Amino acid sequence: MRDTRQLVFLDTSTVSEAFLHRETRKLDNAGCFSFGNSTYEASTALANAEVEIAYDPMDTDVVRVTYRDMEPIMAHKVAITSFASKKPVVPAAMTGEAPKTSRLLDALEQNYNKEHKIRANALNFASYAELKSGEEGESDV
């Protein structure tokens, strides 16, 4: 209050920049890096490059990635959803397990049973016996 000089207020971005933590990381082939038990995606243009990351230790959802003279890139956490780890069902032919039955023989047996049932219904002697008994008076069957 006694000082005659004016107070100089710094820009908040300048102050926040001063308190960021910095580390060096090596990006993988996909342009991702690990940080704090999480994977962050930077850019595939920086694949296999050694970059500097700057982060706020209280908020690590977004990390700033700088590389030489390029504009800084904001890297976000890679969200691995429930659909990412689903494995496709392996066909039985690819498992190496010996088949218990043949699909061809199963289909032939099913077709045989169907045709046999049709033939069995076609040779119904009950109706034939009723016709005979009505004509001659006695049944031969």
N, C-alpha and C. Protein backbone atom coordinates (compact mmCIF):
# COMPACT_ATOMS: atom_id res chain seq x y z
N MET A 1 0.82 -1.19 0.00
CA MET A 1 0.00 0.00 0.00
C MET A 1 0.87 1.26 0.00
N ARG A 2 2.04 1.19 0.63
CA ARG A 2 2.90 2.36 0.70
C ARG A 2 3.74 2.53 -0.56
N ASP A 3 3.88 1.46 -1.35
CA ASP A 3 4.70 1.52 -2.56
C ASP A 3 4.01 2.35 -3.63
N THR A 4 4.73 3.19 -4.28
CA THR A 4 4.15 4.08 -5.30
C THR A 4 4.09 3.43 -6.67
N ARG A 5 4.82 2.35 -6.83
CA ARG A 5 4.81 1.67 -8.14
C ARG A 5 3.51 0.89 -8.31
N GLN A 6 3.09 0.82 -9.56
CA GLN A 6 1.89 0.06 -9.88
C GLN A 6 2.20 -1.45 -9.84
N LEU A 7 1.20 -2.23 -9.44
CA LEU A 7 1.35 -3.68 -9.46
C LEU A 7 1.19 -4.18 -10.89
N VAL A 8 2.02 -5.14 -11.25
CA VAL A 8 1.95 -5.73 -12.59
C VAL A 8 1.33 -7.13 -12.44
N PHE A 9 0.19 -7.34 -13.06
CA PHE A 9 -0.47 -8.64 -13.01
C PHE A 9 -0.11 -9.42 -14.26
N LEU A 10 0.34 -10.63 -14.04
CA LEU A 10 0.72 -11.48 -15.17
C LEU A 10 -0.51 -12.19 -15.73
N ASP A 11 -0.39 -12.56 -16.99
CA ASP A 11 -1.45 -13.31 -17.64
C ASP A 11 -1.55 -14.70 -16.99
N THR A 12 -2.75 -15.22 -16.83
CA THR A 12 -2.94 -16.52 -16.16
C THR A 12 -2.28 -17.66 -16.94
N SER A 13 -2.25 -17.57 -18.26
CA SER A 13 -1.60 -18.63 -19.05
C SER A 13 -0.09 -18.66 -18.79
N THR A 14 0.51 -17.50 -18.59
CA THR A 14 1.94 -17.43 -18.30
C THR A 14 2.24 -18.03 -16.93
N VAL A 15 1.39 -17.73 -15.97
CA VAL A 15 1.58 -18.26 -14.62
C VAL A 15 1.36 -19.78 -14.60
N SER A 16 0.32 -20.23 -15.27
CA SER A 16 0.05 -21.67 -15.29
C SER A 16 1.16 -22.42 -16.02
N GLU A 17 1.74 -21.82 -17.05
CA GLU A 17 2.86 -22.41 -17.80
C GLU A 17 4.06 -22.61 -16.88
N ALA A 18 4.28 -21.70 -15.96
CA ALA A 18 5.43 -21.76 -15.06
C ALA A 18 5.32 -22.92 -14.08
N PHE A 19 4.10 -23.34 -13.75
CA PHE A 19 3.91 -24.38 -12.76
C PHE A 19 3.64 -25.76 -13.35
N LEU A 20 3.75 -25.91 -14.66
CA LEU A 20 3.56 -27.22 -15.28
C LEU A 20 4.79 -28.10 -15.05
N HIS A 21 4.55 -29.38 -14.87
CA HIS A 21 5.63 -30.35 -14.74
C HIS A 21 6.00 -30.82 -16.14
N ARG A 22 7.28 -31.14 -16.33
CA ARG A 22 7.75 -31.55 -17.66
C ARG A 22 8.52 -32.85 -17.56
N GLU A 23 8.31 -33.70 -18.59
CA GLU A 23 9.04 -34.96 -18.70
C GLU A 23 9.29 -35.25 -20.17
N THR A 24 10.22 -36.15 -20.42
CA THR A 24 10.51 -36.57 -21.79
C THR A 24 9.96 -37.98 -21.98
N ARG A 25 9.29 -38.20 -23.10
CA ARG A 25 8.70 -39.52 -23.41
C ARG A 25 9.04 -39.90 -24.85
N LYS A 26 9.06 -41.19 -25.08
CA LYS A 26 9.27 -41.72 -26.44
C LYS A 26 7.94 -42.26 -26.92
N LEU A 27 7.48 -41.78 -28.08
CA LEU A 27 6.21 -42.24 -28.65
C LEU A 27 6.42 -43.57 -29.35
N ASP A 28 5.36 -44.38 -29.39
CA ASP A 28 5.44 -45.67 -30.08
C ASP A 28 5.07 -45.50 -31.55
N ASN A 29 4.92 -46.61 -32.26
CA ASN A 29 4.63 -46.57 -33.70
C ASN A 29 3.28 -45.93 -34.01
N ALA A 30 2.36 -45.94 -33.07
CA ALA A 30 1.03 -45.36 -33.29
C ALA A 30 0.95 -43.92 -32.82
N GLY A 31 2.03 -43.37 -32.30
CA GLY A 31 2.02 -42.00 -31.81
C GLY A 31 1.43 -41.88 -30.42
N CYS A 32 1.51 -42.96 -29.64
CA CYS A 32 0.97 -42.97 -28.26
C CYS A 32 2.12 -43.10 -27.26
N PHE A 33 1.83 -42.70 -26.03
CA PHE A 33 2.81 -42.84 -24.96
C PHE A 33 2.09 -43.15 -23.65
N SER A 34 2.83 -43.76 -22.73
CA SER A 34 2.28 -44.10 -21.42
C SER A 34 2.67 -43.03 -20.42
N PHE A 35 1.70 -42.72 -19.56
CA PHE A 35 1.96 -41.73 -18.52
C PHE A 35 0.98 -41.97 -17.38
N GLY A 36 1.49 -42.25 -16.21
CA GLY A 36 0.65 -42.42 -15.03
C GLY A 36 -0.39 -43.52 -15.17
N ASN A 37 0.00 -44.71 -15.58
CA ASN A 37 -0.89 -45.86 -15.74
C ASN A 37 -1.98 -45.64 -16.79
N SER A 38 -1.79 -44.72 -17.68
CA SER A 38 -2.74 -44.45 -18.77
C SER A 38 -1.97 -44.30 -20.07
N THR A 39 -2.69 -44.50 -21.15
CA THR A 39 -2.10 -44.31 -22.48
C THR A 39 -2.69 -43.05 -23.09
N TYR A 40 -1.82 -42.23 -23.65
CA TYR A 40 -2.24 -40.98 -24.28
C TYR A 40 -1.92 -41.05 -25.76
N GLU A 41 -2.79 -40.47 -26.57
CA GLU A 41 -2.59 -40.45 -28.01
C GLU A 41 -2.18 -39.04 -28.43
N ALA A 42 -0.97 -38.93 -28.99
CA ALA A 42 -0.47 -37.62 -29.43
C ALA A 42 -0.77 -37.43 -30.91
N SER A 43 0.05 -38.01 -31.78
CA SER A 43 -0.13 -37.87 -33.22
C SER A 43 0.71 -38.93 -33.92
N THR A 44 0.17 -39.48 -35.00
CA THR A 44 0.95 -40.46 -35.75
C THR A 44 2.09 -39.79 -36.51
N ALA A 45 2.01 -38.48 -36.71
CA ALA A 45 3.10 -37.75 -37.36
C ALA A 45 4.36 -37.77 -36.50
N LEU A 46 4.20 -37.96 -35.20
CA LEU A 46 5.34 -37.99 -34.28
C LEU A 46 5.72 -39.41 -33.87
N ALA A 47 5.35 -40.40 -34.65
CA ALA A 47 5.63 -41.79 -34.29
C ALA A 47 7.13 -41.99 -34.11
N ASN A 48 7.48 -42.70 -33.05
CA ASN A 48 8.86 -43.04 -32.68
C ASN A 48 9.72 -41.82 -32.35
N ALA A 49 9.13 -40.70 -32.09
CA ALA A 49 9.90 -39.49 -31.75
C ALA A 49 10.00 -39.34 -30.24
N GLU A 50 11.05 -38.67 -29.79
CA GLU A 50 11.20 -38.36 -28.39
C GLU A 50 10.68 -36.95 -28.18
N VAL A 51 9.64 -36.81 -27.36
CA VAL A 51 8.94 -35.54 -27.18
C VAL A 51 9.00 -35.12 -25.72
N GLU A 52 8.67 -33.87 -25.49
CA GLU A 52 8.56 -33.35 -24.12
C GLU A 52 7.08 -33.17 -23.81
N ILE A 53 6.67 -33.69 -22.67
CA ILE A 53 5.28 -33.51 -22.26
C ILE A 53 5.24 -32.54 -21.09
N ALA A 54 4.21 -31.72 -21.06
CA ALA A 54 4.00 -30.78 -19.96
C ALA A 54 2.59 -31.02 -19.44
N TYR A 55 2.46 -31.13 -18.12
CA TYR A 55 1.16 -31.47 -17.53
C TYR A 55 0.99 -30.82 -16.17
N ASP A 56 -0.26 -30.67 -15.81
CA ASP A 56 -0.63 -30.20 -14.49
C ASP A 56 -0.85 -31.45 -13.64
N PRO A 57 -0.13 -31.63 -12.54
CA PRO A 57 -0.28 -32.86 -11.76
C PRO A 57 -1.67 -33.03 -11.14
N MET A 58 -2.44 -31.96 -11.04
CA MET A 58 -3.79 -32.05 -10.50
C MET A 58 -4.82 -32.42 -11.56
N ASP A 59 -4.48 -32.26 -12.84
CA ASP A 59 -5.41 -32.56 -13.93
C ASP A 59 -4.61 -33.18 -15.07
N THR A 60 -4.59 -34.51 -15.11
CA THR A 60 -3.81 -35.20 -16.13
C THR A 60 -4.68 -35.76 -17.26
N ASP A 61 -5.88 -35.23 -17.43
CA ASP A 61 -6.73 -35.70 -18.53
C ASP A 61 -6.17 -35.25 -19.88
N VAL A 62 -5.56 -34.07 -19.91
CA VAL A 62 -4.98 -33.54 -21.14
C VAL A 62 -3.52 -33.19 -20.86
N VAL A 63 -2.64 -33.65 -21.75
CA VAL A 63 -1.21 -33.41 -21.60
C VAL A 63 -0.73 -32.71 -22.87
N ARG A 64 0.10 -31.67 -22.70
CA ARG A 64 0.61 -30.94 -23.86
C ARG A 64 1.92 -31.59 -24.32
N VAL A 65 1.99 -31.88 -25.62
CA VAL A 65 3.15 -32.54 -26.21
C VAL A 65 3.86 -31.53 -27.12
N THR A 66 5.16 -31.31 -26.89
CA THR A 66 5.92 -30.41 -27.75
C THR A 66 7.07 -31.18 -28.37
N TYR A 67 7.33 -30.85 -29.64
CA TYR A 67 8.42 -31.49 -30.38
C TYR A 67 9.08 -30.45 -31.27
N ARG A 68 10.30 -30.15 -31.00
CA ARG A 68 11.12 -29.19 -31.75
C ARG A 68 10.36 -27.90 -32.07
N ASP A 69 10.19 -27.57 -33.36
CA ASP A 69 9.57 -26.30 -33.74
C ASP A 69 8.09 -26.43 -34.07
N MET A 70 7.51 -27.57 -33.80
CA MET A 70 6.09 -27.79 -34.12
C MET A 70 5.19 -27.10 -33.09
N GLU A 71 3.96 -26.85 -33.52
CA GLU A 71 2.94 -26.34 -32.58
C GLU A 71 2.69 -27.41 -31.52
N PRO A 72 2.47 -27.02 -30.27
CA PRO A 72 2.16 -28.02 -29.24
C PRO A 72 0.86 -28.77 -29.56
N ILE A 73 0.86 -30.04 -29.24
CA ILE A 73 -0.31 -30.91 -29.46
C ILE A 73 -0.88 -31.27 -28.11
N MET A 74 -2.19 -31.20 -27.99
CA MET A 74 -2.86 -31.59 -26.75
C MET A 74 -3.21 -33.08 -26.86
N ALA A 75 -2.57 -33.90 -26.04
CA ALA A 75 -2.81 -35.34 -26.06
C ALA A 75 -3.85 -35.69 -25.02
N HIS A 76 -4.80 -36.52 -25.42
CA HIS A 76 -5.88 -36.96 -24.53
C HIS A 76 -5.70 -38.43 -24.20
N LYS A 77 -6.29 -38.84 -23.09
CA LYS A 77 -6.24 -40.24 -22.70
C LYS A 77 -6.98 -41.08 -23.74
N VAL A 78 -6.43 -42.24 -24.03
CA VAL A 78 -7.08 -43.16 -24.95
C VAL A 78 -8.15 -43.91 -24.17
N ALA A 79 -9.38 -43.79 -24.63
CA ALA A 79 -10.49 -44.48 -23.96
C ALA A 79 -10.69 -45.84 -24.60
N ILE A 80 -10.42 -46.88 -23.86
CA ILE A 80 -10.61 -48.23 -24.37
C ILE A 80 -12.00 -48.67 -23.94
N THR A 81 -12.88 -48.82 -24.92
CA THR A 81 -14.27 -49.16 -24.63
C THR A 81 -14.44 -50.66 -24.49
N SER A 82 -15.64 -51.06 -24.12
CA SER A 82 -15.91 -52.49 -23.94
C SER A 82 -15.89 -53.23 -25.27
N PHE A 83 -16.08 -52.52 -26.39
CA PHE A 83 -16.08 -53.17 -27.69
C PHE A 83 -14.67 -53.44 -28.20
N ALA A 84 -13.69 -52.78 -27.63
CA ALA A 84 -12.33 -52.90 -28.14
C ALA A 84 -11.71 -54.26 -27.86
N SER A 85 -12.08 -54.90 -26.79
CA SER A 85 -11.43 -56.14 -26.43
C SER A 85 -12.24 -57.38 -26.78
N LYS A 86 -13.36 -57.22 -27.45
CA LYS A 86 -14.15 -58.39 -27.80
C LYS A 86 -13.42 -59.22 -28.84
N LYS A 87 -13.29 -60.50 -28.56
CA LYS A 87 -12.63 -61.41 -29.48
C LYS A 87 -13.69 -62.11 -30.31
N PRO A 88 -13.43 -62.24 -31.61
CA PRO A 88 -14.41 -62.94 -32.43
C PRO A 88 -14.44 -64.42 -32.09
N VAL A 89 -15.57 -65.04 -32.33
CA VAL A 89 -15.73 -66.46 -32.07
C VAL A 89 -14.93 -67.23 -33.11
N VAL A 90 -14.10 -68.13 -32.64
CA VAL A 90 -13.26 -68.91 -33.54
C VAL A 90 -14.08 -70.09 -34.06
N PRO A 91 -14.12 -70.29 -35.39
CA PRO A 91 -14.86 -71.43 -35.93
C PRO A 91 -14.27 -72.74 -35.43
N ALA A 92 -15.13 -73.76 -35.31
CA ALA A 92 -14.70 -75.05 -34.78
C ALA A 92 -13.62 -75.68 -35.65
N ALA A 93 -13.63 -75.39 -36.95
CA ALA A 93 -12.64 -75.97 -37.85
C ALA A 93 -11.24 -75.43 -37.56
N MET A 94 -11.15 -74.25 -36.95
CA MET A 94 -9.85 -73.64 -36.69
C MET A 94 -9.31 -73.96 -35.29
N THR A 95 -10.08 -74.62 -34.46
CA THR A 95 -9.65 -74.89 -33.09
C THR A 95 -8.78 -76.13 -32.99
N GLY A 96 -8.79 -76.99 -34.01
CA GLY A 96 -8.00 -78.22 -33.94
C GLY A 96 -8.74 -79.34 -33.24
N GLU A 97 -9.94 -79.08 -32.81
CA GLU A 97 -10.74 -80.09 -32.12
C GLU A 97 -11.37 -81.02 -33.16
N ALA A 98 -11.31 -82.32 -32.92
CA ALA A 98 -11.88 -83.29 -33.86
C ALA A 98 -13.39 -83.22 -33.80
N PRO A 99 -14.05 -83.18 -34.96
CA PRO A 99 -15.51 -83.12 -34.96
C PRO A 99 -16.13 -84.42 -34.48
N LYS A 100 -17.25 -84.32 -33.80
CA LYS A 100 -17.94 -85.50 -33.26
C LYS A 100 -18.82 -86.15 -34.33
N THR A 101 -19.38 -85.37 -35.20
CA THR A 101 -20.21 -85.90 -36.28
C THR A 101 -19.88 -85.16 -37.57
N SER A 102 -20.39 -85.73 -38.68
CA SER A 102 -20.19 -85.10 -39.98
C SER A 102 -21.44 -84.31 -40.33
N ARG A 103 -21.25 -83.08 -40.78
CA ARG A 103 -22.41 -82.26 -41.16
C ARG A 103 -23.13 -82.86 -42.36
N LEU A 104 -22.37 -83.44 -43.28
CA LEU A 104 -22.96 -84.06 -44.46
C LEU A 104 -23.81 -85.26 -44.07
N LEU A 105 -23.25 -86.13 -43.20
CA LEU A 105 -24.01 -87.30 -42.76
C LEU A 105 -25.24 -86.90 -41.94
N ASP A 106 -25.11 -85.87 -41.13
CA ASP A 106 -26.26 -85.38 -40.36
C ASP A 106 -27.36 -84.89 -41.29
N ALA A 107 -27.00 -84.16 -42.34
CA ALA A 107 -27.99 -83.66 -43.29
C ALA A 107 -28.64 -84.80 -44.05
N LEU A 108 -27.84 -85.79 -44.46
CA LEU A 108 -28.39 -86.95 -45.17
C LEU A 108 -29.34 -87.75 -44.28
N GLU A 109 -28.98 -87.92 -43.02
CA GLU A 109 -29.85 -88.65 -42.08
C GLU A 109 -31.16 -87.90 -41.86
N GLN A 110 -31.07 -86.60 -41.73
CA GLN A 110 -32.28 -85.79 -41.55
C GLN A 110 -33.17 -85.88 -42.78
N ASN A 111 -32.58 -85.83 -43.97
CA ASN A 111 -33.35 -85.95 -45.21
C ASN A 111 -33.98 -87.34 -45.32
N TYR A 112 -33.22 -88.38 -44.95
CA TYR A 112 -33.75 -89.75 -44.97
C TYR A 112 -34.94 -89.89 -44.03
N ASN A 113 -34.82 -89.38 -42.82
CA ASN A 113 -35.92 -89.48 -41.85
C ASN A 113 -37.16 -88.75 -42.34
N LYS A 114 -36.97 -87.62 -42.97
CA LYS A 114 -38.09 -86.86 -43.51
C LYS A 114 -38.81 -87.65 -44.61
N GLU A 115 -38.03 -88.19 -45.56
CA GLU A 115 -38.62 -88.98 -46.65
C GLU A 115 -39.25 -90.26 -46.13
N HIS A 116 -38.64 -90.91 -45.15
CA HIS A 116 -39.18 -92.16 -44.58
C HIS A 116 -40.52 -91.90 -43.91
N LYS A 117 -40.63 -90.76 -43.25
CA LYS A 117 -41.89 -90.41 -42.59
C LYS A 117 -42.99 -90.17 -43.63
N ILE A 118 -42.65 -89.53 -44.75
CA ILE A 118 -43.64 -89.29 -45.82
C ILE A 118 -44.10 -90.62 -46.39
N ARG A 119 -43.17 -91.56 -46.65
CA ARG A 119 -43.52 -92.86 -47.20
C ARG A 119 -44.36 -93.67 -46.21
N ALA A 120 -44.03 -93.58 -44.94
CA ALA A 120 -44.78 -94.34 -43.93
C ALA A 120 -46.21 -93.85 -43.87
N ASN A 121 -46.42 -92.56 -44.00
CA ASN A 121 -47.78 -92.02 -43.98
C ASN A 121 -48.54 -92.38 -45.27
N ALA A 122 -47.80 -92.56 -46.37
CA ALA A 122 -48.45 -92.89 -47.63
C ALA A 122 -48.95 -94.34 -47.64
N LEU A 123 -48.31 -95.24 -46.89
CA LEU A 123 -48.70 -96.65 -46.84
C LEU A 123 -49.54 -96.95 -45.60
N ASN A 124 -50.62 -96.27 -45.47
CA ASN A 124 -51.49 -96.46 -44.33
C ASN A 124 -52.57 -97.46 -44.74
N PHE A 125 -52.53 -98.66 -44.14
CA PHE A 125 -53.46 -99.72 -44.52
C PHE A 125 -54.80 -99.62 -43.81
N ALA A 126 -54.91 -98.74 -42.86
CA ALA A 126 -56.18 -98.62 -42.13
C ALA A 126 -57.28 -98.17 -43.07
N SER A 127 -56.98 -97.17 -43.90
CA SER A 127 -58.00 -96.69 -44.84
C SER A 127 -58.27 -97.75 -45.91
N TYR A 128 -57.25 -98.52 -46.28
CA TYR A 128 -57.43 -99.59 -47.27
C TYR A 128 -58.32 -100.69 -46.70
N ALA A 129 -58.16 -101.02 -45.43
CA ALA A 129 -58.96 -102.07 -44.78
C ALA A 129 -60.42 -101.64 -44.70
N GLU A 130 -60.67 -100.36 -44.44
CA GLU A 130 -62.05 -99.87 -44.36
C GLU A 130 -62.73 -99.95 -45.72
N LEU A 131 -61.99 -99.64 -46.79
CA LEU A 131 -62.54 -99.74 -48.13
C LEU A 131 -62.88 -101.19 -48.47
N LYS A 132 -61.99 -102.13 -48.16
CA LYS A 132 -62.21 -103.54 -48.46
C LYS A 132 -63.39 -104.08 -47.68
N SER A 133 -63.49 -103.72 -46.40
CA SER A 133 -64.57 -104.26 -45.58
C SER A 133 -65.91 -103.72 -46.03
N GLY A 134 -65.93 -102.55 -46.56
CA GLY A 134 -67.17 -101.97 -47.04
C GLY A 134 -67.65 -102.61 -48.34
N GLU A 135 -66.72 -103.09 -49.16
CA GLU A 135 -67.06 -103.67 -50.45
C GLU A 135 -67.50 -105.14 -50.32
N GLU A 136 -66.67 -105.96 -49.63
CA GLU A 136 -66.94 -107.39 -49.59
C GLU A 136 -67.52 -107.83 -48.27
N GLY A 137 -67.46 -107.05 -47.28
CA GLY A 137 -68.04 -107.43 -45.99
C GLY A 137 -67.02 -107.95 -45.00
N GLU A 138 -65.84 -108.37 -45.42
CA GLU A 138 -64.84 -108.81 -44.47
C GLU A 138 -63.47 -108.19 -44.83
N SER A 139 -62.60 -108.15 -43.89
CA SER A 139 -61.32 -107.47 -44.06
C SER A 139 -60.22 -108.47 -44.32
N ASP A 140 -59.37 -108.20 -45.27
CA ASP A 140 -58.22 -109.05 -45.56
C ASP A 140 -56.98 -108.63 -44.77
N VAL A 141 -57.05 -107.51 -44.17
CA VAL A 141 -55.89 -106.99 -43.49
C VAL A 141 -55.90 -107.34 -42.03
